């Protein structure tokens, strides 16, 4: 009896060791009694519903409203003599400075937003960000006529608040890995409808009275924070997942670091991030890809609008109202074009190889930007077609790079990787805005377009070379 009693702990230890081993550990999804839900060909993880999936395009809908309204209206309110009255030869520098300081602050915070998600959840940071952002939007006209530092400070705060809704890890939280490329396509529907709602509805609210339009839009955005509380569900690990996590050496270190406080957790996740990038070339490649893609938002939300408004000063367009109507028309047509393209890209992004689709998308976009440089009539069909194509292919690039990135996330550092991913996107916008604004005012209005075209060609060529050398096989 004595021998038998002493042998029980040994047997239990062997059983536990066998249970938590990576080869014999049961799949948590297979052990669950809850069957996964499939929506529009997208299989969700167990414990998540259609409402949770809806949160992903909904957040993009909200971000699109904030970004499209503030970026488009900003140039016109800066030019307006009753508000900021910025001289024409300083408009590029002022807009780029605003983008520069906003992105610089966003880069700093984006390094930590991933850790916030990993440690404190997703719901509350996103809710607070959208709520406060709406109130700040209403304050923009009240800062006139002071650009430095009042308007820039408000713009910085809005940019910081958009980080949480923009770099969330909900796709990896809710969607099974083989379907993440598809959901990154469908989530862009939120962005499309957000832009359409902005330009077709919000853009027409008292267009000559910026105080009223910003107030209405600001209150509307604050109200959008309430549904986010209902739709977002926190990602919680089951007991079996926690045991499986401890069986992995790197995961075990991170779990143990929690007892040492936030700094220990921070250092552990940083080491894991460095290790993942060294082992998986896809991560640094997608970081470089989003670095280039996010520059496009500066291109068509700042430099393209500056280019169109410059035709007012050249006498080609009558006034700012006509320029604004052209911008509005281009944006609305772009929404319909994107609806057509996103169906194809979102559905087939998981079926075609990225090593083929990515070089094609980046090369075509580079060619369109280069062609736009030689067009000088904003009323012409070809000019407007190029503007629409630039935005549409930027959306396709986002779907491809986001899908590739989401398929290479490790669950224990999803929030951190998303933060780093957002960091590189913000860095691209930061450098492009500052350099492009200076070159726009002091060298040529075409220079920012040459830079964007060259970078797109460079990335497409890089992916093609990596695929030919069998380094990139996706």
Protein backbone atom coordinates (compact mmCIF):
# COMPACT_ATOMS: atom_id res chain seq x y z
CA UNK A 1 0.00 0.00 0.00
CA UNK A 2 2.83 2.33 0.78
CA UNK A 3 4.40 1.75 -2.62
CA UNK A 4 1.05 2.26 -4.31
CA UNK A 5 0.45 5.59 -2.56
CA UNK A 6 3.87 6.89 -3.44
CA UNK A 7 3.45 5.95 -7.06
CA UNK A 8 0.35 8.09 -7.62
CA UNK A 9 2.16 11.45 -7.85
CA UNK A 10 4.58 9.97 -10.34
CA UNK A 11 1.77 8.65 -12.48
CA UNK A 12 -0.01 12.00 -12.31
CA UNK A 13 3.12 13.82 -13.31
CA UNK A 14 3.56 11.64 -16.38
CA UNK A 15 -0.08 12.09 -17.29
CA UNK A 16 0.17 15.88 -16.98
CA UNK A 17 3.34 15.93 -19.04
CA UNK A 18 1.65 13.91 -21.73
CA UNK A 19 -1.41 16.14 -21.62
CA UNK A 20 0.41 19.43 -22.12
CA UNK A 21 2.87 18.25 -24.73
CA UNK A 22 2.50 20.05 -28.04
CA UNK A 23 2.10 16.83 -30.02
CA UNK A 24 -0.59 15.21 -27.88
CA UNK A 25 -2.50 18.23 -26.67
CA UNK A 26 -6.11 18.14 -27.93
CA UNK A 27 -7.42 20.88 -30.13
CA UNK A 28 -9.55 23.14 -27.91
CA UNK A 29 -12.04 23.69 -30.70
CA UNK A 30 -12.58 19.95 -31.14
CA UNK A 31 -13.18 19.52 -27.41
CA UNK A 32 -15.79 22.29 -27.28
CA UNK A 33 -19.48 21.45 -27.51
CA UNK A 34 -20.21 24.82 -29.15
CA UNK A 35 -20.17 24.51 -32.93
CA UNK A 36 -18.43 27.27 -34.92
CA UNK A 37 -20.57 29.67 -36.94
CA UNK A 38 -20.00 30.29 -40.65
CA UNK A 39 -21.08 33.67 -42.07
CA UNK A 40 -20.65 34.60 -45.76
CA UNK A 41 -18.14 31.81 -46.14
CA UNK A 42 -16.18 32.96 -43.07
CA UNK A 43 -15.84 30.50 -40.20
CA UNK A 44 -15.74 32.08 -36.79
CA UNK A 45 -14.03 30.64 -33.77
CA UNK A 46 -16.19 29.03 -31.14
CA UNK A 47 -17.84 31.35 -28.60
CA UNK A 48 -18.17 34.18 -31.16
CA UNK A 49 -21.28 35.25 -33.08
CA UNK A 50 -22.37 37.26 -36.11
CA UNK A 51 -22.64 40.38 -33.97
CA UNK A 52 -18.99 40.06 -32.99
CA UNK A 53 -17.99 39.67 -36.65
CA UNK A 54 -20.02 42.77 -37.50
CA UNK A 55 -17.83 44.80 -35.15
CA UNK A 56 -14.92 44.53 -37.59
CA UNK A 57 -16.51 46.38 -40.56
CA UNK A 58 -18.35 48.65 -38.12
CA UNK A 59 -15.08 50.00 -36.72
CA UNK A 60 -13.82 50.59 -40.25
CA UNK A 61 -17.08 52.42 -40.98
CA UNK A 62 -16.43 54.72 -38.03
CA UNK A 63 -12.77 55.31 -38.88
CA UNK A 64 -13.67 56.08 -42.51
CA UNK A 65 -16.13 58.77 -41.43
CA UNK A 66 -13.57 60.44 -39.19
CA UNK A 67 -10.69 60.22 -41.67
CA UNK A 68 -12.56 61.13 -44.87
CA UNK A 69 -14.41 64.08 -43.33
CA UNK A 70 -11.53 65.66 -41.46
CA UNK A 71 -8.92 65.08 -44.19
CA UNK A 72 -11.06 66.45 -47.00
CA UNK A 73 -12.56 69.38 -45.14
CA UNK A 74 -9.27 70.38 -43.51
CA UNK A 75 -7.76 71.90 -46.65
CA UNK A 76 -10.89 73.92 -47.39
CA UNK A 77 -11.22 75.27 -43.83
CA UNK A 78 -7.52 76.19 -43.86
CA UNK A 79 -8.03 78.14 -47.09
CA UNK A 80 -11.22 79.84 -45.91
CA UNK A 81 -10.74 83.53 -45.13
CA UNK A 82 -13.21 83.47 -42.21
CA UNK A 83 -11.33 80.73 -40.40
CA UNK A 84 -7.57 80.10 -40.78
CA UNK A 85 -6.88 81.94 -44.06
CA UNK A 86 -3.60 80.12 -44.79
CA UNK A 87 -1.68 81.59 -47.79
CA UNK A 88 -1.56 79.47 -50.93
CA UNK A 89 2.23 79.14 -50.92
CA UNK A 90 2.15 77.80 -47.33
CA UNK A 91 -0.79 75.43 -47.62
CA UNK A 92 1.30 72.36 -48.42
CA UNK A 93 3.66 73.01 -45.52
CA UNK A 94 0.85 73.63 -43.02
CA UNK A 95 -1.09 70.51 -43.98
CA UNK A 96 2.06 68.39 -43.94
CA UNK A 97 3.07 69.79 -40.54
CA UNK A 98 -0.33 68.86 -39.17
CA UNK A 99 0.00 65.34 -40.53
CA UNK A 100 3.61 65.10 -39.37
CA UNK A 101 2.97 65.94 -35.72
CA UNK A 102 -0.15 63.80 -35.63
CA UNK A 103 1.66 60.79 -37.04
CA UNK A 104 4.69 61.34 -34.82
CA UNK A 105 2.47 61.18 -31.74
CA UNK A 106 0.60 58.19 -33.17
CA UNK A 107 3.84 56.31 -33.73
CA UNK A 108 4.82 56.72 -30.10
CA UNK A 109 1.44 55.55 -28.80
CA UNK A 110 1.13 52.73 -31.34
CA UNK A 111 4.17 51.08 -29.77
CA UNK A 112 2.15 50.69 -26.58
CA UNK A 113 -1.43 50.22 -27.80
CA UNK A 114 -0.72 46.57 -28.52
CA UNK A 115 0.37 46.02 -24.94
CA UNK A 116 -2.79 47.80 -23.77
CA UNK A 117 -4.91 45.40 -25.82
CA UNK A 118 -2.99 42.39 -24.55
CA UNK A 119 -3.27 43.41 -20.90
CA UNK A 120 -6.58 45.31 -20.61
CA UNK A 121 -8.81 44.00 -23.39
CA UNK A 122 -10.35 45.47 -26.53
CA UNK A 123 -13.77 46.89 -25.65
CA UNK A 124 -13.09 49.80 -23.27
CA UNK A 125 -10.11 51.36 -25.15
CA UNK A 126 -12.09 51.34 -28.41
CA UNK A 127 -15.26 52.76 -26.81
CA UNK A 128 -13.47 55.64 -25.09
CA UNK A 129 -11.48 56.46 -28.22
CA UNK A 130 -14.54 56.86 -30.46
CA UNK A 131 -16.52 58.77 -27.83
CA UNK A 132 -13.85 61.40 -27.15
CA UNK A 133 -12.90 61.67 -30.83
CA UNK A 134 -16.40 62.91 -31.66
CA UNK A 135 -16.20 65.69 -29.09
CA UNK A 136 -12.83 66.82 -30.43
CA UNK A 137 -14.14 66.91 -34.00
CA UNK A 138 -16.71 69.51 -32.94
CA UNK A 139 -13.91 71.67 -31.47
CA UNK A 140 -11.92 72.09 -34.71
CA UNK A 141 -13.64 75.27 -36.03
CA UNK A 142 -13.46 76.78 -32.54
CA UNK A 143 -9.65 76.81 -32.73
CA UNK A 144 -9.63 79.30 -35.64
CA UNK A 145 -7.64 81.33 -36.56
CA UNK A 146 -4.76 79.76 -34.60
CA UNK A 147 -3.07 76.86 -36.42
CA UNK A 148 0.03 76.63 -34.22
CA UNK A 149 -0.41 75.06 -31.72
CA UNK A 150 -4.19 74.90 -31.06
CA UNK A 151 -5.47 73.27 -34.27
CA UNK A 152 -2.46 70.98 -34.50
CA UNK A 153 -2.98 69.86 -30.89
CA UNK A 154 -6.62 68.93 -31.54
CA UNK A 155 -5.60 67.09 -34.73
CA UNK A 156 -2.95 65.18 -32.80
CA UNK A 157 -5.46 64.06 -30.18
CA UNK A 158 -7.91 62.85 -32.84
CA UNK A 159 -5.14 60.87 -34.50
CA UNK A 160 -4.16 59.27 -31.20
CA UNK A 161 -7.73 58.28 -30.43
CA UNK A 162 -8.09 56.53 -33.79
CA UNK A 163 -5.25 54.11 -33.04
CA UNK A 164 -7.32 51.74 -30.90
CA UNK A 165 -10.18 51.26 -33.42
CA UNK A 166 -7.66 51.02 -36.27
CA UNK A 167 -5.10 48.48 -35.03
CA UNK A 168 -7.34 46.12 -33.07
CA UNK A 169 -6.69 42.36 -33.29
CA UNK A 170 -10.36 41.39 -33.67
CA UNK A 171 -9.82 39.56 -36.97
CA UNK A 172 -7.39 37.18 -35.32
CA UNK A 173 -9.58 36.98 -32.21
CA UNK A 174 -12.82 36.04 -33.94
CA UNK A 175 -11.96 34.37 -37.26
CA UNK A 176 -10.35 30.99 -37.96
CA UNK A 177 -6.95 31.32 -39.60
CA UNK A 178 -7.77 29.99 -43.11
CA UNK A 179 -10.55 32.60 -43.50
CA UNK A 180 -8.74 35.73 -42.30
CA UNK A 181 -7.75 36.88 -45.77
CA UNK A 182 -11.39 36.82 -46.78
CA UNK A 183 -12.58 38.77 -43.76
CA UNK A 184 -10.00 41.50 -44.36
CA UNK A 185 -11.72 41.95 -47.70
CA UNK A 186 -15.21 42.09 -46.25
CA UNK A 187 -14.14 44.45 -43.47
CA UNK A 188 -13.33 47.02 -46.11
CA UNK A 189 -17.05 47.24 -46.85
CA UNK A 190 -17.22 49.20 -43.63
CA UNK A 191 -14.64 51.65 -44.95
CA UNK A 192 -16.46 51.99 -48.28
CA UNK A 193 -19.87 52.66 -46.75
CA UNK A 194 -18.29 55.04 -44.25
CA UNK A 195 -16.75 57.06 -47.08
CA UNK A 196 -19.97 56.98 -49.09
CA UNK A 197 -22.01 58.14 -46.10
CA UNK A 198 -19.53 60.96 -45.49
CA UNK A 199 -19.42 62.33 -49.04
CA UNK A 200 -23.09 61.72 -49.92
CA UNK A 201 -24.63 62.86 -46.61
CA UNK A 202 -22.29 64.51 -44.11
CA UNK A 203 -20.38 66.48 -46.72
CA UNK A 204 -23.57 68.32 -47.66
CA UNK A 205 -24.42 69.55 -44.16
CA UNK A 206 -24.15 73.34 -44.25
CA UNK A 207 -21.10 73.30 -46.51
CA UNK A 208 -20.48 77.02 -46.06
CA UNK A 209 -20.79 76.86 -42.27
CA UNK A 210 -17.97 74.75 -40.90
CA UNK A 211 -19.05 75.18 -37.27
CA UNK A 212 -22.40 73.50 -37.87
CA UNK A 213 -21.02 70.71 -40.05
CA UNK A 214 -18.23 69.82 -37.60
CA UNK A 215 -20.65 69.91 -34.66
CA UNK A 216 -23.16 67.58 -36.31
CA UNK A 217 -20.47 65.14 -37.47
CA UNK A 218 -18.75 65.21 -34.06
CA UNK A 219 -21.93 64.34 -32.18
CA UNK A 220 -22.73 61.60 -34.70
CA UNK A 221 -19.29 60.02 -34.23
CA UNK A 222 -19.65 60.06 -30.43
CA UNK A 223 -22.96 58.20 -30.77
CA UNK A 224 -21.21 55.53 -32.85
CA UNK A 225 -19.22 54.50 -29.76
CA UNK A 226 -22.29 52.98 -28.08
CA UNK A 227 -22.92 50.07 -30.51
CA UNK A 228 -19.24 49.15 -30.21
CA UNK A 229 -19.84 48.16 -26.58
CA UNK A 230 -22.45 45.63 -27.68
CA UNK A 231 -20.66 44.17 -30.70
CA UNK A 232 -17.15 43.73 -29.29
CA UNK A 233 -16.54 40.62 -27.20
CA UNK A 234 -13.32 40.11 -25.31
CA UNK A 235 -11.10 37.24 -26.37
CA UNK A 236 -10.74 34.88 -23.41
CA UNK A 237 -8.62 31.77 -23.41
CA UNK A 238 -10.12 28.51 -22.24
CA UNK A 239 -8.40 26.40 -19.57
CA UNK A 240 -7.12 23.99 -22.19
CA UNK A 241 -5.64 26.87 -24.21
CA UNK A 242 -3.87 28.18 -21.13
CA UNK A 243 -2.31 24.77 -20.47
CA UNK A 244 -1.25 24.54 -24.12
CA UNK A 245 0.30 28.02 -23.88
CA UNK A 246 2.39 27.02 -20.86
CA UNK A 247 3.68 23.99 -22.79
CA UNK A 248 5.42 26.35 -25.24
CA UNK A 249 8.70 27.79 -23.83
CA UNK A 250 8.22 31.32 -25.17
CA UNK A 251 4.59 31.42 -24.08
CA UNK A 252 5.52 30.09 -20.68
CA UNK A 253 8.02 32.91 -20.20
CA UNK A 254 5.42 35.51 -21.10
CA UNK A 255 2.88 33.99 -18.76
CA UNK A 256 5.36 34.01 -15.90
CA UNK A 257 6.30 37.62 -16.69
CA UNK A 258 2.84 38.77 -15.73
CA UNK A 259 3.72 38.31 -12.14
CA UNK A 260 6.60 40.77 -12.51
CA UNK A 261 4.42 43.67 -13.58
CA UNK A 262 3.86 45.63 -16.78
CA UNK A 263 7.55 46.20 -17.52
CA UNK A 264 8.33 42.47 -17.36
CA UNK A 265 5.42 41.74 -19.68
CA UNK A 266 6.61 44.50 -22.02
CA UNK A 267 10.15 43.09 -22.20
CA UNK A 268 8.91 39.56 -22.74
CA UNK A 269 6.62 40.49 -25.60
CA UNK A 270 9.41 42.56 -27.17
CA UNK A 271 11.73 39.54 -27.14
CA UNK A 272 9.03 37.38 -28.68
CA UNK A 273 8.42 39.99 -31.37
CA UNK A 274 12.10 40.11 -32.29
CA UNK A 275 12.23 36.32 -32.44
CA UNK A 276 9.13 36.08 -34.64
CA UNK A 277 10.47 38.61 -37.16
CA UNK A 278 13.76 36.72 -37.43
CA UNK A 279 12.00 33.41 -38.01
CA UNK A 280 9.24 34.64 -40.34
CA UNK A 281 10.20 36.95 -43.23
CA UNK A 282 6.52 37.68 -43.88
CA UNK A 283 6.28 39.95 -40.83
CA UNK A 284 9.01 42.46 -41.85
CA UNK A 285 7.77 42.25 -45.45
CA UNK A 286 4.23 43.22 -44.44
CA UNK A 287 5.63 45.98 -42.22
CA UNK A 288 7.37 47.44 -45.28
CA UNK A 289 4.20 46.95 -47.33
CA UNK A 290 1.97 48.87 -44.93
CA UNK A 291 4.70 51.53 -44.71
CA UNK A 292 4.11 52.20 -48.42
CA UNK A 293 0.35 51.68 -48.50
CA UNK A 294 -0.45 54.18 -45.75
CA UNK A 295 1.36 56.89 -47.69
CA UNK A 296 -1.48 56.66 -50.19
CA UNK A 297 -3.92 58.12 -47.67
CA UNK A 298 -1.70 61.23 -47.52
CA UNK A 299 -1.43 61.22 -51.30
CA UNK A 300 -5.14 61.26 -52.11
CA UNK A 301 -6.41 62.97 -48.95
CA UNK A 302 -3.84 65.78 -48.96
CA UNK A 303 -1.72 66.18 -52.07
CA UNK A 304 -4.44 65.16 -54.51
CA UNK A 305 -6.90 67.65 -52.97
CA UNK A 306 -4.18 70.30 -52.90
CA UNK A 307 -3.60 69.62 -56.58
CA UNK A 308 -7.30 70.05 -57.37
CA UNK A 309 -7.63 73.26 -55.32
CA UNK A 310 -4.53 74.67 -57.04
CA UNK A 311 -6.54 74.79 -60.28
CA UNK A 312 -8.69 77.48 -58.62
CA UNK A 313 -5.61 79.69 -58.28
CA UNK A 314 -4.62 78.90 -61.87
CA UNK A 315 -8.05 79.94 -63.16
CA UNK A 316 -9.00 76.48 -64.46
CA UNK A 317 -11.70 76.17 -61.77
CA UNK A 318 -13.91 79.06 -60.70
CA UNK A 319 -13.81 78.76 -56.90
CA UNK A 320 -13.34 76.45 -53.92
CA UNK A 321 -16.94 75.29 -54.13
CA UNK A 322 -16.38 73.88 -57.62
CA UNK A 323 -13.16 72.21 -56.44
CA UNK A 324 -15.01 70.70 -53.48
CA UNK A 325 -17.75 69.38 -55.76
CA UNK A 326 -15.15 67.68 -57.96
CA UNK A 327 -13.55 66.09 -54.91
CA UNK A 328 -16.97 64.97 -53.67
CA UNK A 329 -17.87 63.46 -57.05
CA UNK A 330 -14.54 61.61 -57.31
CA UNK A 331 -14.96 60.20 -53.81
CA UNK A 332 -18.50 58.96 -54.46
CA UNK A 333 -17.52 57.29 -57.76
CA UNK A 334 -14.57 55.75 -55.99
CA UNK A 335 -16.93 54.16 -53.46
CA UNK A 336 -18.91 52.40 -56.21
CA UNK A 337 -15.72 51.29 -57.94
CA UNK A 338 -14.41 49.89 -54.67
CA UNK A 339 -17.65 47.97 -54.10
CA UNK A 340 -17.08 46.17 -57.37
CA UNK A 341 -13.37 45.54 -56.79
CA UNK A 342 -13.70 44.48 -53.17
CA UNK A 343 -16.12 41.66 -54.01
CA UNK A 344 -13.53 40.15 -56.30
CA UNK A 345 -10.50 40.85 -54.09
CA UNK A 346 -12.16 39.84 -50.81
CA UNK A 347 -13.54 36.60 -52.22
CA UNK A 348 -10.45 35.50 -54.10
CA UNK A 349 -7.71 36.82 -51.80
CA UNK A 350 -7.50 33.38 -50.18
CA UNK A 351 -7.59 31.53 -53.50
CA UNK A 352 -4.86 33.32 -55.47
CA UNK A 353 -1.27 33.37 -54.30
CA UNK A 354 -0.06 36.60 -52.73
CA UNK A 355 3.24 36.36 -54.60
CA UNK A 356 1.24 36.98 -57.79
CA UNK A 357 -1.49 39.40 -56.72
CA UNK A 358 0.69 41.77 -54.67
CA UNK A 359 3.20 42.65 -57.46
CA UNK A 360 0.30 43.18 -59.91
CA UNK A 361 -1.59 45.53 -57.56
CA UNK A 362 1.48 47.62 -56.67
CA UNK A 363 2.68 47.89 -60.29
CA UNK A 364 -0.71 48.99 -61.64
CA UNK A 365 -1.09 51.60 -58.92
CA UNK A 366 2.39 52.97 -59.60
CA UNK A 367 1.52 53.32 -63.30
CA UNK A 368 -1.72 55.18 -62.54
CA UNK A 369 0.01 57.65 -60.20
CA UNK A 370 2.69 58.29 -62.83
CA UNK A 371 0.03 58.94 -65.49
CA UNK A 372 -1.81 61.43 -63.25
CA UNK A 373 1.28 63.65 -63.13
CA UNK A 374 0.83 64.56 -66.80
CA UNK A 375 -2.90 65.41 -66.55
CA UNK A 376 -3.87 69.04 -65.88
CA UNK A 377 -7.64 69.17 -66.36
CA UNK A 378 -9.58 68.08 -63.23
CA UNK A 379 -12.82 68.06 -65.24
CA UNK A 380 -11.50 65.47 -67.70
CA UNK A 381 -12.66 61.87 -67.56
CA UNK A 382 -9.09 60.49 -67.53
CA UNK A 383 -8.04 62.71 -64.60
CA UNK A 384 -10.97 61.61 -62.48
CA UNK A 385 -10.52 57.98 -63.53
CA UNK A 386 -6.91 58.05 -62.34
CA UNK A 387 -7.97 59.54 -59.00
CA UNK A 388 -10.56 56.80 -58.56
CA UNK A 389 -8.07 54.09 -59.56
CA UNK A 390 -5.46 55.29 -57.05
CA UNK A 391 -7.90 55.01 -54.17
CA UNK A 392 -9.37 51.73 -55.40
CA UNK A 393 -6.01 50.01 -55.78
CA UNK A 394 -4.97 51.33 -52.38
CA UNK A 395 -7.95 49.46 -50.97
CA UNK A 396 -6.93 46.30 -52.82
CA UNK A 397 -3.38 46.64 -51.48
CA UNK A 398 -4.75 46.97 -47.96
CA UNK A 399 -6.79 43.80 -48.34
CA UNK A 400 -3.82 41.82 -49.65
CA UNK A 401 -1.25 43.01 -47.12
CA UNK A 402 -3.69 42.85 -44.17
CA UNK A 403 -4.69 39.32 -45.16
CA UNK A 404 -1.09 38.19 -45.46
CA UNK A 405 -0.23 39.78 -42.12
CA UNK A 406 -3.23 38.34 -40.23
CA UNK A 407 -2.35 34.81 -41.36
CA UNK A 408 1.06 35.08 -39.73
CA UNK A 409 0.02 36.25 -36.25
CA UNK A 410 0.81 34.26 -33.12
CA UNK A 411 -2.07 34.34 -30.68
CA UNK A 412 -0.03 35.26 -27.59
CA UNK A 413 1.18 38.56 -29.10
CA UNK A 414 -1.58 39.52 -31.53
CA UNK A 415 -2.13 42.91 -29.97
CA UNK A 416 1.59 43.65 -29.95
CA UNK A 417 2.08 42.69 -33.60
CA UNK A 418 -0.91 44.79 -34.62
CA UNK A 419 0.60 47.72 -32.75
CA UNK A 420 3.92 47.31 -34.57
CA UNK A 421 2.06 46.93 -37.87
CA UNK A 422 0.25 50.20 -37.22
CA UNK A 423 3.57 51.78 -36.19
CA UNK A 424 5.13 51.16 -39.59
CA UNK A 425 2.02 52.47 -41.35
CA UNK A 426 2.16 55.64 -39.26
CA UNK A 427 5.88 55.97 -39.92
CA UNK A 428 5.27 55.87 -43.68
CA UNK A 429 2.62 58.57 -43.41
CA UNK A 430 4.86 60.65 -41.13
CA UNK A 431 7.88 60.71 -43.43
CA UNK A 432 5.85 61.09 -46.60
CA UNK A 433 3.76 63.95 -45.21
CA UNK A 434 6.74 65.95 -43.96
CA UNK A 435 8.98 65.41 -46.97
CA UNK A 436 6.13 65.65 -49.46
CA UNK A 437 4.80 68.91 -47.99
CA UNK A 438 8.20 70.56 -48.21
CA UNK A 439 8.78 69.35 -51.76
CA UNK A 440 5.25 70.37 -52.81
CA UNK A 441 5.78 74.00 -51.77
CA UNK A 442 9.47 74.37 -52.60
CA UNK A 443 10.24 72.05 -55.53
CA UNK A 444 7.21 70.92 -57.52
CA UNK A 445 3.61 69.83 -56.99
CA UNK A 446 4.48 66.65 -58.88
CA UNK A 447 7.28 65.49 -56.57
CA UNK A 448 5.07 63.71 -53.98
CA UNK A 449 3.48 61.75 -56.84
CA UNK A 450 6.86 60.69 -58.23
CA UNK A 451 7.87 59.41 -54.78
CA UNK A 452 4.65 57.42 -54.33
CA UNK A 453 4.93 55.85 -57.77
CA UNK A 454 8.57 54.85 -57.23
CA UNK A 455 7.92 53.23 -53.85
CA UNK A 456 5.04 51.14 -55.21
CA UNK A 457 7.21 49.87 -58.04
CA UNK A 458 10.01 49.06 -55.58
CA UNK A 459 7.78 46.96 -53.30
CA UNK A 460 6.16 45.08 -56.17
CA UNK A 461 9.59 44.27 -57.56
CA UNK A 462 10.85 43.14 -54.13
CA UNK A 463 7.97 40.69 -53.70
CA UNK A 464 8.51 39.38 -57.23
CA UNK A 465 12.22 38.78 -56.55
CA UNK A 466 11.50 37.00 -53.26
CA UNK A 467 8.94 34.77 -54.97
CA UNK A 468 11.31 33.88 -57.80
CA UNK A 469 14.01 32.94 -55.29
CA UNK A 470 11.47 30.78 -53.38
CA UNK A 471 11.90 32.94 -50.26
CA UNK A 472 8.28 34.11 -50.46
CA UNK A 473 5.94 31.17 -51.08
CA UNK A 474 2.51 32.43 -50.02
